[in-house]
N, C-alpha and C. Protein backbone atom coordinates (compact mmCIF):
# COMPACT_ATOMS: atom_id res chain seq x y z
N MET A 1 0.23 4.53 25.19
CA MET A 1 0.49 6.08 24.66
C MET A 1 -0.06 6.70 25.57
N PRO A 2 0.55 8.24 26.23
CA PRO A 2 -0.44 8.94 27.00
C PRO A 2 -0.73 9.80 25.59
N GLY A 3 -2.01 10.70 26.17
CA GLY A 3 -2.72 11.71 25.05
C GLY A 3 -1.82 12.57 24.34
N PHE A 4 -2.02 13.28 23.18
CA PHE A 4 -1.20 14.29 22.93
C PHE A 4 -2.58 15.61 22.17
N SER A 5 -2.21 16.83 22.52
CA SER A 5 -2.71 17.59 22.27
C SER A 5 -2.85 18.12 20.62
N PHE A 6 -3.84 18.93 20.36
CA PHE A 6 -3.17 19.24 18.78
C PHE A 6 -2.16 20.65 18.71
N LYS A 7 -1.83 21.04 20.11
CA LYS A 7 -0.93 21.91 19.99
C LYS A 7 0.19 21.52 20.11
N GLU A 8 0.20 20.16 20.51
CA GLU A 8 1.55 19.16 20.56
C GLU A 8 2.24 19.09 19.36
N LEU A 9 0.97 18.54 18.52
CA LEU A 9 0.93 18.12 17.04
C LEU A 9 1.68 19.55 16.02
N GLU A 10 1.39 20.61 16.61
CA GLU A 10 1.72 22.05 15.74
C GLU A 10 2.93 22.48 15.99
N ILE A 11 3.67 21.96 17.00
CA ILE A 11 5.08 22.06 17.52
C ILE A 11 6.09 20.94 16.75
N VAL A 12 5.22 19.92 16.86
CA VAL A 12 5.84 18.77 15.80
C VAL A 12 6.00 18.99 14.46
N CYS A 13 4.98 19.75 14.12
CA CYS A 13 4.75 19.90 12.47
C CYS A 13 5.89 21.06 12.24
N ARG A 14 5.99 22.73 13.05
CA ARG A 14 7.05 23.27 13.01
C ARG A 14 8.39 22.53 12.70
N ARG A 15 8.43 21.68 13.92
CA ARG A 15 9.92 21.20 13.64
C ARG A 15 10.50 20.28 12.81
N LEU A 16 9.75 19.80 11.95
CA LEU A 16 9.82 19.31 10.80
C LEU A 16 9.89 19.79 9.61
N GLY A 17 9.56 21.32 9.73
CA GLY A 17 9.89 22.36 8.80
C GLY A 17 8.37 22.41 7.72
N LEU A 18 7.19 21.91 8.27
CA LEU A 18 5.72 22.12 7.72
C LEU A 18 5.24 23.64 7.37
N LEU A 19 4.80 23.47 6.61
CA LEU A 19 4.17 24.90 5.98
C LEU A 19 2.74 25.19 6.61
N ARG A 20 2.22 25.81 7.32
CA ARG A 20 0.90 25.70 7.67
C ARG A 20 -0.19 26.93 6.70
N ARG A 21 -1.27 26.44 6.40
CA ARG A 21 -2.16 27.03 5.39
C ARG A 21 -3.26 27.03 5.95
N GLU A 22 -4.24 28.04 5.86
CA GLU A 22 -5.36 28.39 6.77
C GLU A 22 -6.35 27.81 5.62
N THR A 23 -7.41 27.01 5.69
CA THR A 23 -8.89 26.44 4.82
C THR A 23 -9.51 27.13 5.66
N VAL A 24 -10.80 27.36 5.32
CA VAL A 24 -11.84 27.57 5.85
C VAL A 24 -12.53 26.58 6.99
N LYS A 25 -12.57 25.24 6.73
CA LYS A 25 -12.62 24.55 7.94
C LYS A 25 -11.80 24.21 8.97
N GLY A 26 -10.22 24.72 8.98
CA GLY A 26 -9.12 24.16 9.38
C GLY A 26 -7.85 24.93 9.12
N ILE A 27 -6.82 24.02 9.03
CA ILE A 27 -5.29 24.06 8.91
C ILE A 27 -4.73 23.25 8.21
N ILE A 28 -4.16 22.99 7.39
CA ILE A 28 -3.36 22.09 6.52
C ILE A 28 -2.20 22.36 6.95
N TRP A 29 -1.29 21.38 7.35
CA TRP A 29 0.33 21.38 7.16
C TRP A 29 0.87 20.56 6.62
N GLU A 30 1.67 21.13 5.06
CA GLU A 30 2.26 20.29 4.41
C GLU A 30 3.65 20.97 3.83
N GLY A 31 4.72 19.77 3.69
CA GLY A 31 5.92 20.33 3.32
C GLY A 31 6.66 18.63 2.59
N PHE A 32 7.91 18.96 2.46
CA PHE A 32 8.72 17.68 1.86
C PHE A 32 9.79 17.51 3.22
N ASP A 33 9.89 15.76 3.36
CA ASP A 33 11.34 15.49 4.16
C ASP A 33 12.21 15.72 3.72
N ILE A 34 13.44 15.13 4.15
CA ILE A 34 14.62 15.60 3.59
C ILE A 34 15.02 14.43 2.57
N ASN A 35 13.92 13.49 2.67
CA ASN A 35 14.22 12.41 1.39
C ASN A 35 13.11 12.51 -0.03
N GLY A 36 12.53 13.76 0.28
CA GLY A 36 11.73 14.21 -0.40
C GLY A 36 10.02 13.72 -0.76
N ASN A 37 10.06 13.36 0.55
CA ASN A 37 8.35 12.58 0.61
C ASN A 37 7.73 13.76 1.09
N TYR A 38 6.11 13.83 0.08
CA TYR A 38 5.58 14.73 0.45
C TYR A 38 4.65 14.21 1.83
N LEU A 39 4.69 15.60 2.84
CA LEU A 39 4.25 15.24 4.29
C LEU A 39 2.63 16.47 4.06
N TYR A 40 1.48 15.46 4.97
CA TYR A 40 0.69 16.27 4.51
C TYR A 40 -0.64 15.99 5.75
N ILE A 41 -0.99 16.54 6.64
CA ILE A 41 -2.14 16.73 7.76
C ILE A 41 -2.77 17.67 7.25
N SER A 42 -3.98 17.05 7.89
CA SER A 42 -5.23 18.69 8.05
C SER A 42 -5.97 18.31 9.76
N VAL A 43 -6.10 19.47 10.01
CA VAL A 43 -6.41 19.51 11.44
C VAL A 43 -7.82 20.78 11.27
N HIS A 44 -8.76 19.91 11.53
CA HIS A 44 -10.37 20.95 11.78
C HIS A 44 -10.10 21.68 13.11
N MET A 45 -10.63 22.69 12.55
CA MET A 45 -10.95 23.99 13.67
C MET A 45 -11.44 23.23 15.12
N HIS A 46 -12.37 22.98 14.87
CA HIS A 46 -13.27 22.68 16.23
C HIS A 46 -12.63 21.45 17.01
N ALA A 47 -11.45 21.11 16.65
CA ALA A 47 -9.99 20.13 17.65
C ALA A 47 -9.20 20.75 18.25
N LYS A 48 -9.30 22.11 18.35
CA LYS A 48 -8.43 22.63 18.96
C LYS A 48 -8.72 22.61 20.48
N GLY A 49 -7.83 22.47 21.55
CA GLY A 49 -8.01 22.57 22.90
C GLY A 49 -8.38 21.07 23.27
N ARG A 50 -8.18 19.96 22.18
CA ARG A 50 -8.46 18.78 22.58
C ARG A 50 -7.35 17.63 22.14
N ASP A 51 -7.45 16.42 23.20
CA ASP A 51 -6.40 15.51 22.69
C ASP A 51 -6.61 15.11 21.68
N ILE A 52 -5.89 14.37 20.89
CA ILE A 52 -6.20 13.58 19.40
C ILE A 52 -6.71 12.35 19.61
N PRO A 53 -7.75 11.91 19.68
CA PRO A 53 -7.75 10.50 19.05
C PRO A 53 -6.91 9.51 18.93
N LYS A 54 -7.05 8.37 19.82
CA LYS A 54 -6.31 7.35 19.29
C LYS A 54 -6.27 7.06 17.46
N GLY A 55 -7.14 6.89 16.97
CA GLY A 55 -7.15 6.52 15.83
C GLY A 55 -6.72 7.70 14.91
N THR A 56 -6.86 8.65 15.34
CA THR A 56 -6.28 9.63 14.65
C THR A 56 -5.13 10.18 14.49
N LEU A 57 -4.63 9.76 15.77
CA LEU A 57 -2.71 10.10 16.07
C LEU A 57 -2.03 8.79 15.08
N ASN A 58 -2.70 7.60 15.18
CA ASN A 58 -2.45 6.57 14.20
C ASN A 58 -2.17 7.30 12.71
N GLN A 59 -3.01 7.99 12.32
CA GLN A 59 -3.16 8.29 10.99
C GLN A 59 -2.06 9.22 10.99
N ILE A 60 -2.02 10.16 11.67
CA ILE A 60 -1.02 11.17 11.61
C ILE A 60 0.31 10.67 11.77
N ILE A 61 0.93 9.80 12.49
CA ILE A 61 1.98 8.97 12.60
C ILE A 61 2.53 8.45 11.39
N LYS A 62 1.54 7.89 10.65
CA LYS A 62 1.69 6.87 9.34
C LYS A 62 2.06 8.13 8.33
N ARG A 63 1.13 9.19 8.06
CA ARG A 63 1.41 10.41 7.22
C ARG A 63 2.35 11.34 7.67
N LEU A 64 2.98 11.08 8.68
CA LEU A 64 4.25 12.14 8.55
C LEU A 64 5.29 11.29 8.57
N ARG A 65 5.37 9.98 8.08
CA ARG A 65 6.20 8.97 8.19
C ARG A 65 7.38 8.94 9.20
N PHE A 66 6.42 8.72 10.62
CA PHE A 66 7.57 7.76 11.33
C PHE A 66 7.13 6.45 11.41
N LYS A 67 8.46 5.81 11.93
CA LYS A 67 8.56 4.24 11.87
C LYS A 67 7.21 4.08 12.88
N ASN A 68 6.99 4.64 14.26
CA ASN A 68 5.88 4.00 14.95
C ASN A 68 5.73 4.60 15.94
N GLU A 69 4.52 4.43 17.04
CA GLU A 69 4.21 5.21 17.64
C GLU A 69 5.34 5.80 18.89
N HIS A 70 6.65 4.45 18.93
CA HIS A 70 7.33 5.14 19.84
C HIS A 70 8.52 6.03 19.44
N ASP A 71 8.51 5.85 17.84
CA ASP A 71 9.31 6.87 17.14
C ASP A 71 8.82 8.36 17.17
N PHE A 72 7.96 8.60 17.23
CA PHE A 72 6.92 9.50 17.11
C PHE A 72 7.07 10.31 18.56
N LEU A 73 7.38 9.42 19.96
CA LEU A 73 7.21 9.90 21.08
C LEU A 73 8.50 10.33 21.42
N ASP A 74 9.73 9.59 20.91
CA ASP A 74 10.62 9.81 20.59
C ASP A 74 11.39 11.48 20.33
N PHE A 75 10.56 11.29 19.53
CA PHE A 75 11.09 12.63 18.51
C PHE A 75 10.37 14.03 19.38
N ILE A 76 9.17 14.11 19.67
CA ILE A 76 8.98 14.78 20.91
C ILE A 76 9.81 14.74 22.20
N ASN A 77 10.14 14.06 22.68
CA ASN A 77 11.04 14.03 24.08
C ASN A 77 12.22 14.44 23.46
N ASP A 78 12.85 14.21 22.55
CA ASP A 78 14.40 14.86 22.14
C ASP A 78 14.16 16.09 21.12
N LYS A 79 14.72 17.30 22.18
CA LYS A 79 14.23 18.65 21.42
C LYS A 79 15.18 18.53 20.12
N LYS A 80 16.30 18.30 20.19
CA LYS A 80 17.41 18.58 19.46
C LYS A 80 17.15 17.72 18.22
N ARG A 81 16.38 16.50 18.55
CA ARG A 81 16.41 15.25 17.29
C ARG A 81 15.88 16.12 16.18
N ARG A 82 16.11 16.28 15.07
CA ARG A 82 15.64 16.24 13.43
C ARG A 82 15.07 15.42 12.46
N ARG A 83 14.57 15.37 11.53
CA ARG A 83 14.31 13.83 10.91
C ARG A 83 15.63 13.34 10.34
């Protein structure tokens, strides 16, 4: 799977309808999906401009309730796709 930047993650969070909340150490993206599941991820400030490490990306994929890496990649590539 190709590397993803935190900027791309921000785009995904916006497309999912998550709200951005600033904290002292970074940003929290939170909201609900169409099934009523609470979605929540946090991004630390020092991470901006870097690629997301593989393990962290897997945790984010699980927290955002994607089926797997390929489902996440399809969501990124298909601009019209909504949850």
